[in-house]
Amino acid sequence: MDQQEFADRTEVIKTRLYRTAYLYLGSEACAVDAVDEAVYQGFLHYKRLRQPEYFATWMTRILINACNAELRR
């Protein structure tokens, strides 16, 4: 997977990521921040993804971790 493919795949699932973050956090602003953080973390580590067919699941897990970090703050 290269940077352009990461960007394309992220754009496809961004709405779903936002909805998930909103359900976890209950705030639009916090949800947007969590999605931004998840996309950033995913971009930093996308080369570690062994099975690209699980990209959406992988990004959702990163998002949930970002939501949990936000809730701890």
Protein backbone atom coordinates (compact mmCIF):
# COMPACT_ATOMS: atom_id res chain seq x y z
CA MET A 1 0.00 0.00 0.00
CA ASP A 2 1.31 3.43 -0.87
CA GLN A 3 0.33 6.90 0.38
CA GLN A 4 -2.24 7.51 -2.36
CA GLU A 5 -3.97 4.20 -1.72
CA PHE A 6 -4.04 4.99 2.01
CA ALA A 7 -5.66 8.35 1.27
CA ASP A 8 -8.22 6.81 -1.10
CA ARG A 9 -9.20 4.06 1.33
CA THR A 10 -9.42 6.50 4.22
CA GLU A 11 -11.70 8.80 2.24
CA VAL A 12 -14.07 5.89 1.59
CA ILE A 13 -14.48 5.02 5.30
CA LYS A 14 -14.19 8.48 6.87
CA THR A 15 -17.94 8.90 7.36
CA ARG A 16 -18.19 5.53 9.11
CA LEU A 17 -15.23 6.44 11.32
CA TYR A 18 -16.87 9.73 12.26
CA ARG A 19 -20.15 8.00 13.17
CA THR A 20 -18.31 5.50 15.34
CA ALA A 21 -16.36 8.24 17.11
CA TYR A 22 -19.52 10.27 17.70
CA LEU A 23 -21.22 7.26 19.30
CA TYR A 24 -18.24 6.74 21.58
CA LEU A 25 -17.67 10.39 22.52
CA GLY A 26 -21.06 12.09 22.16
CA SER A 27 -19.57 15.31 20.84
CA GLU A 28 -19.06 16.46 17.26
CA ALA A 29 -15.83 18.31 18.03
CA CYS A 30 -14.33 15.41 19.96
CA ALA A 31 -15.38 12.97 17.22
CA VAL A 32 -13.68 15.05 14.53
CA ASP A 33 -10.53 15.27 16.66
CA ALA A 34 -10.55 11.51 17.25
CA VAL A 35 -10.96 10.77 13.53
CA ASP A 36 -8.14 13.16 12.70
CA GLU A 37 -5.90 11.49 15.27
CA ALA A 38 -6.79 8.02 13.98
CA VAL A 39 -6.06 8.98 10.38
CA TYR A 40 -2.75 10.51 11.47
CA GLN A 41 -1.76 7.40 13.43
CA GLY A 42 -2.87 5.17 10.57
CA PHE A 43 -0.78 7.19 8.14
CA LEU A 44 2.28 6.89 10.36
CA HIS A 45 1.93 3.12 10.57
CA TYR A 46 0.19 2.01 7.36
CA LYS A 47 3.28 0.10 6.22
CA ARG A 48 2.83 -2.22 9.22
CA LEU A 49 -0.55 -3.40 7.94
CA ARG A 50 0.03 -7.00 6.88
CA GLN A 51 -3.36 -7.69 5.33
CA PRO A 52 -4.66 -4.70 3.34
CA GLU A 53 -8.08 -6.32 2.93
CA TYR A 54 -8.64 -5.56 6.65
CA PHE A 55 -7.87 -1.86 6.28
CA ALA A 56 -11.30 -0.69 7.51
CA THR A 57 -11.14 -2.94 10.57
CA TRP A 58 -7.59 -1.81 11.32
CA MET A 59 -8.54 1.87 11.08
CA THR A 60 -11.61 1.32 13.25
CA ARG A 61 -9.42 -0.22 15.95
CA ILE A 62 -7.06 2.76 15.79
CA LEU A 63 -10.08 5.06 16.06
CA ILE A 64 -11.42 3.24 19.11
CA ASN A 65 -8.03 3.56 20.76
CA ALA A 66 -8.06 7.31 19.98
CA CYS A 67 -11.59 7.59 21.45
CA ASN A 68 -10.53 5.78 24.60
CA ALA A 69 -7.55 8.12 24.96
CA GLU A 70 -9.88 11.09 24.54
CA LEU A 71 -12.23 9.74 27.21
CA ARG A 72 -9.32 9.27 29.64
CA ARG A 73 -8.38 12.95 29.28
